[in-house]
Amino acid sequence: MLLTPLAVIEGPVVTVIAAYMARLDYFSLSAVCVMVILADLVGDIGFYALGRWVVKSGGTPPRWLARLGLNPARLQRIVDVFDSRGGRILTFGKLTHSAGAAILVAAGIARMQFSTFMFYNTLATIPKKPCFCHNRLGFWSYRWRS
């Protein structure tokens, strides 16, 4: 199905379009929700991997990030914050569209444990995507009026 790779690239737009098509009975809404959840998680793993790739395990940020202000002291602060409050930060990042990508990359830079990353990321994604499908397009109100 073409929906999943497109949702990895541009999740919110594809989610809205697919939910609208489900509203018109072109797709099953439950299938759309499962596909956009899986696609969202794959995209988030990509952002996490980008963060792990940018800062190698030695802990020294590349020069271009140092020019942007990520010095070793700030990098250590990011690591400490994600060690103590990583779950809350990830949940906040997933629920806000503006900070999401930056927080996912920061989780990778901080080398947050992957299982913890996936747990909190999935925990925040599962309720977010179906709500996005249902509430944005008034799916339930449309169904109840019919």
Foldseek 3Di string as FASTA:
>chain_A
DVLQVVCLVPPLVSLQVVLVVVLVVPDPLVVSLVSNLVSPLVSLVVLLVLLLVQQDPVQAGDPVVVVVPDGSVNLVVLLVCCVVPVLVLQLVLLVDVVNVSVSSSSCNNSVPPPVSNSVSNSVNSNVPSSCSSCVVVVSVVSVVVD
